[in-house]
N, C-alpha and C. Protein backbone atom coordinates (compact mmCIF):
# COMPACT_ATOMS: atom_id res chain seq x y z
N UNK A 1 58.57 10.15 43.51
CA UNK A 1 58.56 9.63 42.16
C UNK A 1 59.13 8.22 42.11
N UNK A 2 60.02 7.87 43.02
CA UNK A 2 60.60 6.53 43.02
C UNK A 2 59.54 5.47 43.26
N UNK A 3 58.59 5.72 44.16
CA UNK A 3 57.53 4.75 44.43
C UNK A 3 56.64 4.60 43.20
N UNK A 4 56.36 5.70 42.51
CA UNK A 4 55.58 5.65 41.28
C UNK A 4 56.30 4.76 40.27
N UNK A 5 57.60 4.95 40.10
CA UNK A 5 58.39 4.13 39.17
C UNK A 5 58.39 2.66 39.58
N UNK A 6 58.47 2.40 40.87
CA UNK A 6 58.41 1.01 41.35
C UNK A 6 57.04 0.40 41.05
N UNK A 7 55.99 1.19 41.18
CA UNK A 7 54.65 0.72 40.86
C UNK A 7 54.55 0.34 39.39
N UNK A 8 55.15 1.15 38.54
CA UNK A 8 55.15 0.86 37.11
C UNK A 8 55.93 -0.44 36.85
N UNK A 9 57.07 -0.60 37.49
CA UNK A 9 57.86 -1.83 37.33
C UNK A 9 57.10 -3.05 37.83
N UNK A 10 56.46 -2.94 38.96
CA UNK A 10 55.68 -4.06 39.50
C UNK A 10 54.58 -4.45 38.51
N UNK A 11 53.93 -3.47 37.94
CA UNK A 11 52.88 -3.75 36.97
C UNK A 11 53.46 -4.44 35.72
N UNK A 12 54.64 -4.02 35.30
CA UNK A 12 55.31 -4.68 34.17
C UNK A 12 55.62 -6.13 34.52
N UNK A 13 56.12 -6.37 35.73
CA UNK A 13 56.45 -7.74 36.14
C UNK A 13 55.21 -8.63 36.18
N UNK A 14 54.09 -8.09 36.61
CA UNK A 14 52.87 -8.87 36.75
C UNK A 14 52.21 -9.12 35.40
N UNK A 15 52.20 -8.12 34.53
CA UNK A 15 51.48 -8.23 33.27
C UNK A 15 52.36 -8.65 32.09
N UNK A 16 53.64 -8.33 32.18
CA UNK A 16 54.53 -8.62 31.06
C UNK A 16 54.55 -7.54 30.00
N UNK A 17 53.90 -6.41 30.29
CA UNK A 17 53.95 -5.30 29.33
C UNK A 17 53.95 -3.97 30.06
N UNK A 18 54.40 -2.95 29.34
CA UNK A 18 54.49 -1.60 29.89
C UNK A 18 53.08 -1.03 30.06
N UNK A 19 52.72 -0.57 31.25
CA UNK A 19 51.35 -0.08 31.48
C UNK A 19 51.01 1.19 30.70
N UNK A 20 52.00 1.96 30.33
CA UNK A 20 51.78 3.13 29.47
C UNK A 20 53.09 3.47 28.77
N UNK A 21 52.95 3.98 27.57
CA UNK A 21 54.13 4.25 26.75
C UNK A 21 54.77 5.60 27.06
N UNK A 22 53.94 6.57 27.41
CA UNK A 22 54.48 7.89 27.74
C UNK A 22 53.67 8.49 28.87
N UNK A 23 54.28 9.38 29.59
CA UNK A 23 53.59 10.03 30.71
C UNK A 23 52.93 11.33 30.22
N UNK A 24 52.12 11.16 29.18
CA UNK A 24 51.36 12.26 28.60
C UNK A 24 49.88 11.88 28.63
N UNK A 25 49.04 12.87 28.79
CA UNK A 25 47.60 12.57 28.82
C UNK A 25 47.11 12.01 27.49
N UNK A 26 47.87 12.21 26.42
CA UNK A 26 47.49 11.65 25.12
C UNK A 26 47.62 10.13 25.11
N UNK A 27 48.40 9.57 26.04
CA UNK A 27 48.50 8.12 26.19
C UNK A 27 47.28 7.69 27.00
N UNK A 28 46.37 6.94 26.38
CA UNK A 28 45.10 6.63 27.03
C UNK A 28 45.28 5.85 28.33
N UNK A 29 46.23 4.92 28.39
CA UNK A 29 46.46 4.16 29.63
C UNK A 29 46.97 5.07 30.74
N UNK A 30 47.92 5.94 30.43
CA UNK A 30 48.44 6.88 31.43
C UNK A 30 47.31 7.80 31.90
N UNK A 31 46.49 8.24 30.97
CA UNK A 31 45.38 9.13 31.31
C UNK A 31 44.42 8.46 32.29
N UNK A 32 44.12 7.18 32.06
CA UNK A 32 43.23 6.45 32.98
C UNK A 32 43.84 6.38 34.37
N UNK A 33 45.15 6.14 34.43
CA UNK A 33 45.84 6.03 35.72
C UNK A 33 45.81 7.36 36.47
N UNK A 34 46.17 8.44 35.81
CA UNK A 34 46.22 9.72 36.53
C UNK A 34 44.84 10.25 36.87
N UNK A 35 43.83 9.80 36.15
CA UNK A 35 42.45 10.22 36.46
C UNK A 35 41.78 9.28 37.46
N UNK A 36 42.50 8.21 37.85
CA UNK A 36 41.95 7.27 38.82
C UNK A 36 40.85 6.39 38.26
N UNK A 37 40.86 6.15 36.96
CA UNK A 37 39.85 5.31 36.31
C UNK A 37 40.32 3.85 36.35
N UNK A 38 40.51 3.37 37.55
CA UNK A 38 41.11 2.05 37.74
C UNK A 38 40.24 0.90 37.28
N UNK A 39 38.95 0.97 37.47
CA UNK A 39 38.08 -0.14 37.05
C UNK A 39 38.22 -0.37 35.55
N UNK A 40 38.21 0.70 34.78
CA UNK A 40 38.38 0.59 33.34
C UNK A 40 39.77 0.09 32.99
N UNK A 41 40.77 0.62 33.67
CA UNK A 41 42.15 0.21 33.40
C UNK A 41 42.32 -1.29 33.66
N UNK A 42 41.82 -1.78 34.80
CA UNK A 42 41.98 -3.20 35.11
C UNK A 42 41.23 -4.08 34.12
N UNK A 43 40.05 -3.65 33.72
CA UNK A 43 39.26 -4.42 32.77
C UNK A 43 40.01 -4.54 31.44
N UNK A 44 40.54 -3.44 30.94
CA UNK A 44 41.29 -3.46 29.68
C UNK A 44 42.57 -4.30 29.79
N UNK A 45 43.26 -4.17 30.92
CA UNK A 45 44.49 -4.92 31.12
C UNK A 45 44.21 -6.42 31.16
N UNK A 46 43.19 -6.81 31.88
CA UNK A 46 42.87 -8.23 31.98
C UNK A 46 42.39 -8.77 30.63
N UNK A 47 41.68 -7.97 29.87
CA UNK A 47 41.25 -8.38 28.53
C UNK A 47 42.45 -8.59 27.63
N UNK A 48 43.40 -7.68 27.69
CA UNK A 48 44.62 -7.80 26.89
C UNK A 48 45.39 -9.06 27.27
N UNK A 49 45.49 -9.32 28.56
CA UNK A 49 46.22 -10.50 29.03
C UNK A 49 45.52 -11.78 28.56
N UNK A 50 44.20 -11.79 28.60
CA UNK A 50 43.44 -12.96 28.16
C UNK A 50 43.69 -13.23 26.68
N UNK A 51 43.73 -12.18 25.87
CA UNK A 51 44.00 -12.34 24.45
C UNK A 51 45.38 -12.94 24.20
N UNK A 52 46.31 -12.65 25.09
CA UNK A 52 47.68 -13.18 24.96
C UNK A 52 47.84 -14.50 25.72
N UNK A 53 46.73 -15.08 26.16
CA UNK A 53 46.73 -16.34 26.91
C UNK A 53 47.58 -16.26 28.17
N UNK A 54 47.54 -15.10 28.81
CA UNK A 54 48.28 -14.90 30.06
C UNK A 54 47.30 -15.00 31.21
N UNK A 55 47.74 -15.60 32.29
CA UNK A 55 46.88 -15.73 33.46
C UNK A 55 46.74 -14.38 34.15
N UNK A 56 45.51 -14.05 34.49
CA UNK A 56 45.29 -12.77 35.16
C UNK A 56 44.81 -12.96 36.60
N UNK A 57 44.85 -14.20 37.10
CA UNK A 57 44.41 -14.42 38.48
C UNK A 57 45.37 -13.77 39.48
N UNK A 58 46.53 -13.33 39.01
CA UNK A 58 47.47 -12.62 39.88
C UNK A 58 46.95 -11.24 40.26
N UNK A 59 45.88 -10.81 39.65
CA UNK A 59 45.32 -9.49 39.92
C UNK A 59 44.37 -9.55 41.10
N UNK A 60 44.89 -9.84 42.25
CA UNK A 60 44.07 -9.87 43.46
C UNK A 60 43.67 -8.45 43.84
N UNK A 61 42.66 -8.37 44.66
CA UNK A 61 42.24 -7.06 45.17
C UNK A 61 43.40 -6.38 45.90
N UNK A 62 44.19 -7.17 46.63
CA UNK A 62 45.33 -6.60 47.38
C UNK A 62 46.39 -6.02 46.44
N UNK A 63 46.65 -6.71 45.33
CA UNK A 63 47.64 -6.20 44.37
C UNK A 63 47.13 -4.93 43.72
N UNK A 64 45.87 -4.93 43.31
CA UNK A 64 45.31 -3.74 42.68
C UNK A 64 45.36 -2.55 43.64
N UNK A 65 45.01 -2.78 44.89
CA UNK A 65 45.05 -1.70 45.89
C UNK A 65 46.46 -1.15 46.03
N UNK A 66 47.44 -2.05 46.14
CA UNK A 66 48.83 -1.60 46.28
C UNK A 66 49.27 -0.81 45.05
N UNK A 67 49.00 -1.32 43.87
CA UNK A 67 49.41 -0.61 42.65
C UNK A 67 48.72 0.75 42.53
N UNK A 68 47.47 0.80 42.88
CA UNK A 68 46.75 2.08 42.83
C UNK A 68 47.37 3.08 43.80
N UNK A 69 47.82 2.61 44.95
CA UNK A 69 48.48 3.49 45.91
C UNK A 69 49.86 3.91 45.43
N UNK A 70 50.57 3.00 44.78
CA UNK A 70 51.92 3.32 44.29
C UNK A 70 51.87 4.23 43.07
N UNK A 71 50.83 4.11 42.24
CA UNK A 71 50.73 4.89 41.01
C UNK A 71 49.85 6.12 41.17
N UNK A 72 49.52 6.46 42.39
CA UNK A 72 48.72 7.66 42.64
C UNK A 72 49.50 8.89 42.17
N UNK A 73 48.89 9.72 41.31
CA UNK A 73 49.62 10.88 40.80
C UNK A 73 49.89 11.96 41.86
N UNK A 74 49.12 11.96 42.92
CA UNK A 74 49.31 12.95 43.99
C UNK A 74 50.32 12.40 44.99
N UNK A 75 51.53 12.97 45.04
CA UNK A 75 52.56 12.47 45.95
C UNK A 75 52.14 12.45 47.42
N UNK A 76 51.22 13.33 47.80
CA UNK A 76 50.75 13.36 49.18
C UNK A 76 49.84 12.20 49.52
N UNK A 77 49.24 11.58 48.50
CA UNK A 77 48.36 10.44 48.72
C UNK A 77 49.03 9.12 48.35
N UNK A 78 50.15 9.18 47.65
CA UNK A 78 50.88 7.99 47.21
C UNK A 78 51.50 7.30 48.41
N UNK A 79 51.56 5.97 48.35
CA UNK A 79 52.24 5.21 49.40
C UNK A 79 53.64 5.80 49.56
N UNK A 80 54.10 5.95 50.78
CA UNK A 80 55.26 6.81 51.02
C UNK A 80 56.61 6.11 51.13
N UNK A 81 56.63 4.80 51.30
CA UNK A 81 57.93 4.17 51.53
C UNK A 81 57.92 2.69 51.17
N UNK A 82 59.10 2.14 51.03
CA UNK A 82 59.26 0.70 50.80
C UNK A 82 58.69 -0.06 52.00
N UNK A 83 58.88 0.46 53.18
CA UNK A 83 58.35 -0.20 54.38
C UNK A 83 56.83 -0.34 54.29
N UNK A 84 56.15 0.68 53.79
CA UNK A 84 54.69 0.62 53.64
C UNK A 84 54.30 -0.44 52.60
N UNK A 85 55.11 -0.58 51.57
CA UNK A 85 54.85 -1.63 50.57
C UNK A 85 55.00 -2.99 51.23
N UNK A 86 56.05 -3.16 52.02
CA UNK A 86 56.27 -4.44 52.72
C UNK A 86 55.16 -4.76 53.71
N UNK A 87 54.50 -3.75 54.21
CA UNK A 87 53.40 -3.94 55.17
C UNK A 87 52.06 -4.17 54.47
N UNK A 88 52.04 -4.04 53.15
CA UNK A 88 50.77 -4.21 52.42
C UNK A 88 50.30 -5.66 52.48
N UNK A 89 49.00 -5.84 52.37
CA UNK A 89 48.40 -7.18 52.41
C UNK A 89 48.95 -8.04 51.27
N UNK A 90 49.12 -7.46 50.09
CA UNK A 90 49.62 -8.23 48.95
C UNK A 90 51.05 -8.73 49.21
N UNK A 91 51.91 -7.85 49.67
CA UNK A 91 53.31 -8.23 49.89
C UNK A 91 53.41 -9.33 50.94
N UNK A 92 52.64 -9.22 51.99
CA UNK A 92 52.71 -10.19 53.08
C UNK A 92 52.29 -11.59 52.65
N UNK A 93 51.36 -11.68 51.70
CA UNK A 93 50.89 -13.01 51.33
C UNK A 93 51.49 -13.55 50.03
N UNK A 94 52.35 -12.78 49.39
CA UNK A 94 52.94 -13.21 48.13
C UNK A 94 54.13 -14.13 48.38
N UNK A 95 54.09 -15.27 47.71
CA UNK A 95 55.18 -16.23 47.80
C UNK A 95 55.98 -16.13 46.51
N UNK A 96 57.28 -15.94 46.59
CA UNK A 96 58.08 -15.83 45.36
C UNK A 96 57.98 -17.11 44.53
N UNK A 97 58.05 -16.94 43.21
CA UNK A 97 58.03 -18.10 42.31
C UNK A 97 59.32 -18.90 42.48
N UNK A 98 59.20 -20.20 42.28
CA UNK A 98 60.39 -21.05 42.33
C UNK A 98 61.21 -20.86 41.06
N UNK A 99 62.42 -21.31 41.09
CA UNK A 99 63.29 -21.21 39.91
C UNK A 99 62.64 -21.93 38.73
N UNK A 100 62.05 -23.09 38.98
CA UNK A 100 61.41 -23.87 37.92
C UNK A 100 60.23 -23.11 37.32
N UNK A 101 59.43 -22.46 38.16
CA UNK A 101 58.30 -21.69 37.67
C UNK A 101 58.76 -20.54 36.78
N UNK A 102 59.82 -19.88 37.18
CA UNK A 102 60.36 -18.78 36.39
C UNK A 102 60.87 -19.30 35.05
N UNK A 103 61.59 -20.41 35.07
CA UNK A 103 62.10 -20.99 33.83
C UNK A 103 60.97 -21.38 32.88
N UNK A 104 59.94 -22.00 33.41
CA UNK A 104 58.81 -22.41 32.57
C UNK A 104 58.10 -21.19 31.97
N UNK A 105 57.96 -20.15 32.74
CA UNK A 105 57.34 -18.92 32.24
C UNK A 105 58.18 -18.33 31.12
N UNK A 106 59.48 -18.33 31.30
CA UNK A 106 60.37 -17.79 30.26
C UNK A 106 60.28 -18.63 28.99
N UNK A 107 60.21 -19.93 29.12
CA UNK A 107 60.10 -20.82 27.96
C UNK A 107 58.78 -20.56 27.22
N UNK A 108 57.68 -20.46 27.98
CA UNK A 108 56.38 -20.20 27.36
C UNK A 108 56.36 -18.86 26.65
N UNK A 109 56.97 -17.86 27.26
CA UNK A 109 57.02 -16.53 26.65
C UNK A 109 57.79 -16.57 25.34
N UNK A 110 58.93 -17.24 25.33
CA UNK A 110 59.71 -17.36 24.09
C UNK A 110 58.94 -18.12 23.02
N UNK A 111 58.21 -19.15 23.42
CA UNK A 111 57.42 -19.91 22.46
C UNK A 111 56.30 -19.06 21.88
N UNK A 112 55.66 -18.25 22.72
CA UNK A 112 54.59 -17.36 22.25
C UNK A 112 55.14 -16.32 21.28
N UNK A 113 56.31 -15.76 21.62
CA UNK A 113 56.92 -14.76 20.75
C UNK A 113 57.31 -15.36 19.41
N UNK A 114 57.82 -16.59 19.42
CA UNK A 114 58.22 -17.27 18.19
C UNK A 114 57.01 -17.57 17.31
N UNK A 115 55.87 -17.89 17.96
CA UNK A 115 54.65 -18.21 17.22
C UNK A 115 54.05 -16.98 16.56
N UNK A 116 54.30 -15.82 17.16
CA UNK A 116 53.74 -14.57 16.59
C UNK A 116 54.67 -14.05 15.57
């Protein structure tokens, strides 16, 4: 369950919003995830991000693959360890944002929130 929770956190960090509100099938986003309807989930997520003027180019195939493995509802099929995450193609090629990039993102987010 810890890897599943980390997958949810990673998705929050990338998108800026909670991927699902409750872990109930009545939550449509959670339902898509547990049913493996990833193509639909990614399409809706990217559409939402576009409406909020958020960049979605961070959704590489490698990131999607990693998140799908981390959020797999079957613990036997879910990625099994932090080491496996570190060995993923996405993790190996991801460069951390600079302090300036983080600050600018935070400023833009505050400005967007103030405008709404």
